[in-house]
N, C-alpha and C. Protein backbone atom coordinates (compact mmCIF):
# COMPACT_ATOMS: atom_id res chain seq x y z
N UNK A 1 -2.64 -12.69 -19.86
CA UNK A 1 -1.92 -13.00 -19.11
C UNK A 1 -0.85 -12.11 -18.31
N UNK A 2 -0.62 -11.84 -17.64
CA UNK A 2 0.77 -10.38 -16.32
C UNK A 2 1.65 -11.20 -16.47
N UNK A 3 2.46 -11.07 -17.02
CA UNK A 3 4.17 -11.72 -16.56
C UNK A 3 4.71 -10.99 -15.94
N UNK A 4 5.34 -11.30 -15.42
CA UNK A 4 6.33 -10.12 -14.02
C UNK A 4 7.44 -10.76 -14.16
N UNK A 5 8.33 -10.18 -14.05
CA UNK A 5 10.17 -10.36 -13.55
C UNK A 5 10.17 -10.38 -11.76
N UNK A 6 10.84 -11.52 -11.64
CA UNK A 6 11.32 -11.93 -10.43
C UNK A 6 12.19 -12.25 -10.29
N UNK A 7 13.31 -11.54 -9.07
CA UNK A 7 14.69 -11.99 -9.26
C UNK A 7 15.06 -12.96 -8.52
N UNK A 8 15.93 -13.56 -8.74
CA UNK A 8 16.19 -14.67 -7.66
C UNK A 8 18.00 -14.74 -7.97
N UNK A 9 18.80 -15.16 -6.85
CA UNK A 9 20.55 -15.22 -6.71
C UNK A 9 20.68 -16.47 -7.63
N UNK A 10 19.85 -17.41 -8.18
CA UNK A 10 20.10 -18.21 -8.98
C UNK A 10 20.21 -18.39 -10.13
N UNK A 11 19.18 -17.36 -10.70
CA UNK A 11 18.62 -16.52 -12.31
C UNK A 11 17.42 -16.06 -12.02
N UNK A 12 16.76 -15.42 -12.71
CA UNK A 12 15.27 -14.97 -13.01
C UNK A 12 14.34 -15.27 -13.37
N UNK A 13 13.27 -15.30 -12.82
CA UNK A 13 11.87 -15.85 -13.41
C UNK A 13 10.78 -15.06 -14.36
N UNK A 14 10.10 -15.64 -14.74
CA UNK A 14 8.95 -14.26 -15.60
C UNK A 14 7.63 -15.51 -14.98
N UNK A 15 6.97 -14.94 -14.22
CA UNK A 15 5.65 -14.91 -13.82
C UNK A 15 4.76 -14.96 -13.51
N UNK A 16 3.47 -15.58 -13.70
CA UNK A 16 1.96 -15.10 -14.42
C UNK A 16 2.01 -14.67 -13.22
N UNK A 17 1.33 -13.42 -13.08
CA UNK A 17 0.74 -12.18 -11.66
C UNK A 17 -0.36 -13.55 -11.16
N UNK A 18 -1.41 -13.63 -11.62
CA UNK A 18 -2.24 -14.25 -10.90
C UNK A 18 -1.96 -16.00 -10.64
N UNK A 19 -1.16 -16.05 -10.97
CA UNK A 19 -0.79 -17.64 -10.42
C UNK A 19 0.47 -17.53 -8.88
N UNK A 20 0.34 -16.45 -8.57
CA UNK A 20 0.62 -16.67 -7.41
C UNK A 20 -0.36 -16.12 -6.32
N UNK A 21 -0.01 -17.64 -4.95
CA UNK A 21 -1.17 -17.76 -4.40
C UNK A 21 -0.56 -17.48 -2.64
N UNK A 22 0.45 -17.44 -2.76
CA UNK A 22 0.83 -17.13 -1.15
C UNK A 22 2.48 -15.99 -0.94
N UNK A 23 2.93 -15.50 -0.22
CA UNK A 23 4.47 -15.25 -0.23
C UNK A 23 4.75 -14.94 0.98
N UNK A 24 5.73 -15.67 1.30
CA UNK A 24 6.61 -15.57 2.60
C UNK A 24 7.87 -15.12 2.88
N UNK A 25 8.33 -15.17 4.08
CA UNK A 25 9.47 -15.02 4.24
C UNK A 25 10.70 -15.57 4.77
N UNK A 26 11.62 -15.61 3.52
CA UNK A 26 12.36 -17.15 3.36
C UNK A 26 13.86 -17.01 4.48
N UNK A 27 14.50 -17.54 3.69
CA UNK A 27 16.05 -17.59 4.68
C UNK A 27 17.01 -15.92 4.08
N UNK A 28 17.78 -15.69 4.53
CA UNK A 28 18.47 -14.54 4.19
C UNK A 28 17.69 -13.48 3.53
N UNK A 29 16.61 -12.62 3.74
CA UNK A 29 15.96 -11.91 3.67
C UNK A 29 15.36 -11.99 2.14
N UNK A 30 15.13 -13.31 1.90
CA UNK A 30 14.51 -13.60 0.54
C UNK A 30 12.64 -13.83 0.76
N UNK A 31 12.42 -14.15 -0.14
CA UNK A 31 11.14 -14.01 -0.13
C UNK A 31 10.83 -15.68 -0.71
N UNK A 32 10.12 -16.51 -0.28
CA UNK A 32 9.20 -17.84 -1.18
C UNK A 32 7.79 -17.23 -1.77
N UNK A 33 7.66 -17.31 -3.14
CA UNK A 33 6.39 -17.42 -3.81
C UNK A 33 5.76 -18.16 -3.95
N UNK A 34 4.21 -18.50 -3.33
CA UNK A 34 3.70 -20.01 -3.86
C UNK A 34 2.77 -19.74 -5.19
N UNK A 35 3.53 -20.65 -6.04
CA UNK A 35 2.81 -20.75 -6.95
C UNK A 35 1.70 -21.76 -7.25
N UNK A 36 0.25 -21.58 -7.87
CA UNK A 36 -0.69 -22.35 -8.49
C UNK A 36 0.04 -23.60 -8.81
N UNK A 37 -0.52 -24.39 -8.15
CA UNK A 37 0.14 -26.22 -9.26
C UNK A 37 1.71 -26.54 -9.24
N UNK A 38 2.11 -26.08 -8.42
CA UNK A 38 3.89 -25.57 -8.77
C UNK A 38 4.63 -25.53 -7.22
N UNK A 39 5.93 -25.76 -7.30
CA UNK A 39 6.76 -25.81 -5.70
C UNK A 39 6.76 -24.53 -5.46
N UNK A 40 7.02 -23.64 -4.63
CA UNK A 40 7.36 -22.04 -4.02
C UNK A 40 8.73 -21.64 -5.14
N UNK A 41 8.92 -20.77 -5.46
CA UNK A 41 10.23 -19.97 -5.72
C UNK A 41 10.61 -18.97 -5.10
N UNK A 42 12.46 -19.12 -4.62
CA UNK A 42 12.56 -18.40 -3.73
C UNK A 42 13.37 -17.28 -4.85
N UNK A 43 13.34 -16.10 -4.35
CA UNK A 43 13.31 -15.24 -4.72
C UNK A 43 13.68 -13.60 -3.93
N UNK A 44 14.54 -12.61 -4.33
CA UNK A 44 15.17 -11.79 -3.76
C UNK A 44 13.87 -10.46 -3.43
N UNK A 45 14.08 -10.23 -1.96
CA UNK A 45 13.64 -9.10 -1.45
C UNK A 45 12.52 -9.90 -0.25
N UNK A 46 11.98 -8.54 0.27
CA UNK A 46 10.91 -8.57 0.58
C UNK A 46 9.85 -8.97 0.28
N UNK A 47 8.20 -9.86 1.09
CA UNK A 47 7.22 -9.74 0.41
C UNK A 47 7.09 -8.48 0.26
N UNK A 48 6.67 -7.69 1.26
CA UNK A 48 6.02 -6.54 0.54
C UNK A 48 6.52 -5.71 -0.46
N UNK A 49 8.13 -5.76 -1.14
CA UNK A 49 9.03 -5.24 -2.35
C UNK A 49 8.25 -6.32 -3.73
N UNK A 50 8.36 -7.61 -2.81
CA UNK A 50 7.51 -8.36 -4.27
C UNK A 50 6.17 -8.70 -4.42
N UNK A 51 5.52 -7.89 -3.28
CA UNK A 51 3.98 -7.71 -3.56
C UNK A 51 4.17 -6.50 -4.64
N UNK A 52 5.03 -5.44 -4.43
CA UNK A 52 4.77 -4.66 -5.00
C UNK A 52 4.79 -4.72 -6.91
N UNK A 53 5.77 -5.65 -6.59
CA UNK A 53 6.09 -5.40 -8.38
C UNK A 53 5.10 -6.42 -8.82
N UNK A 54 4.26 -7.27 -8.13
CA UNK A 54 3.15 -8.23 -8.44
C UNK A 54 2.28 -7.42 -9.18
N UNK A 55 2.03 -6.61 -8.02
CA UNK A 55 0.69 -5.14 -8.72
C UNK A 55 0.83 -4.33 -9.25
N UNK A 56 2.40 -4.05 -9.52
CA UNK A 56 2.00 -2.97 -10.64
C UNK A 56 2.72 -3.31 -11.71
N UNK A 57 3.61 -4.39 -12.00
CA UNK A 57 3.65 -5.56 -13.70
C UNK A 57 3.03 -5.54 -13.77
């Protein structure tokens, strides 16, 4: 399993990169991260920057 740290305004998340199903633009320049079997997470950054973290992490 490859864990990636994603920052949010309410706290940080450690997610398993292979469990990310989709990325979508959220509110106020944030990104919604769709997780397999879970509710979406709202994290800071654009979908492109989050995708870079997921792929490089």
